[in-house]
Amino acid sequence: MRSIFVIILIALIMASGCLGEKTVIKANVTITEHNGTPVIDIIDVTSAKVSNA
């Protein structure tokens, strides 16, 4: 009976995303000022898969 609860607990943890891979999104934004007005010059977005285990 205890092993069934352990298996269910592990399955719930894996289903919740605590284990396995997740996507991380990183954004770099360069903002400059032209005549007193902020202007977005560069937007660089990258993504990567990372493992939690």
Protein backbone atom coordinates (compact mmCIF):
# COMPACT_ATOMS: atom_id res chain seq x y z
CA MET A 1 0.00 0.00 0.00
CA ARG A 2 2.84 2.38 0.83
CA SER A 3 4.52 1.76 -2.53
CA ILE A 4 1.36 2.86 -4.35
CA PHE A 5 1.42 6.18 -2.49
CA VAL A 6 5.11 6.65 -3.32
CA ILE A 7 4.48 5.97 -7.02
CA ILE A 8 1.54 8.39 -7.06
CA LEU A 9 3.62 11.06 -5.32
CA ILE A 10 6.48 10.69 -7.81
CA ALA A 11 4.02 10.85 -10.72
CA LEU A 12 2.46 14.04 -9.34
CA ILE A 13 5.87 15.67 -8.88
CA MET A 14 6.89 14.81 -12.44
CA ALA A 15 3.55 16.01 -13.82
CA SER A 16 3.86 19.32 -12.00
CA GLY A 17 7.12 20.10 -13.78
CA CYS A 18 9.40 19.91 -10.75
CA LEU A 19 11.50 17.32 -12.53
CA GLY A 20 12.53 17.23 -16.16
CA GLU A 21 13.26 20.09 -18.52
CA LYS A 22 11.99 23.64 -18.45
CA THR A 23 12.36 26.46 -20.94
CA VAL A 24 14.22 29.56 -19.78
CA ILE A 25 13.75 32.76 -21.77
CA LYS A 26 16.39 35.50 -21.53
CA ALA A 27 15.81 38.98 -22.96
CA ASN A 28 18.41 41.74 -23.32
CA VAL A 29 17.07 45.19 -24.14
CA THR A 30 19.23 48.20 -25.02
CA ILE A 31 17.51 51.54 -24.42
CA THR A 32 19.10 54.85 -25.39
CA GLU A 33 17.91 58.42 -25.16
CA HIS A 34 17.46 60.64 -28.22
CA ASN A 35 16.42 64.28 -27.60
CA GLY A 36 15.12 63.40 -24.15
CA THR A 37 13.00 60.50 -25.39
CA PRO A 38 13.90 56.89 -24.49
CA VAL A 39 14.22 54.66 -27.56
CA ILE A 40 14.53 50.87 -27.65
CA ASP A 41 17.51 50.14 -29.90
CA ILE A 42 18.07 46.40 -29.57
CA ILE A 43 15.90 43.53 -28.31
CA ASP A 44 17.77 40.21 -28.14
CA VAL A 45 15.74 37.19 -26.98
CA THR A 46 17.14 33.69 -26.49
CA SER A 47 15.69 30.52 -25.04
CA ALA A 48 17.25 27.37 -23.65
CA LYS A 49 16.12 24.10 -22.08
CA VAL A 50 17.41 23.40 -18.58
CA SER A 51 17.08 20.31 -16.43
CA ASN A 52 15.95 20.46 -12.81
CA ALA A 53 17.09 16.96 -11.93
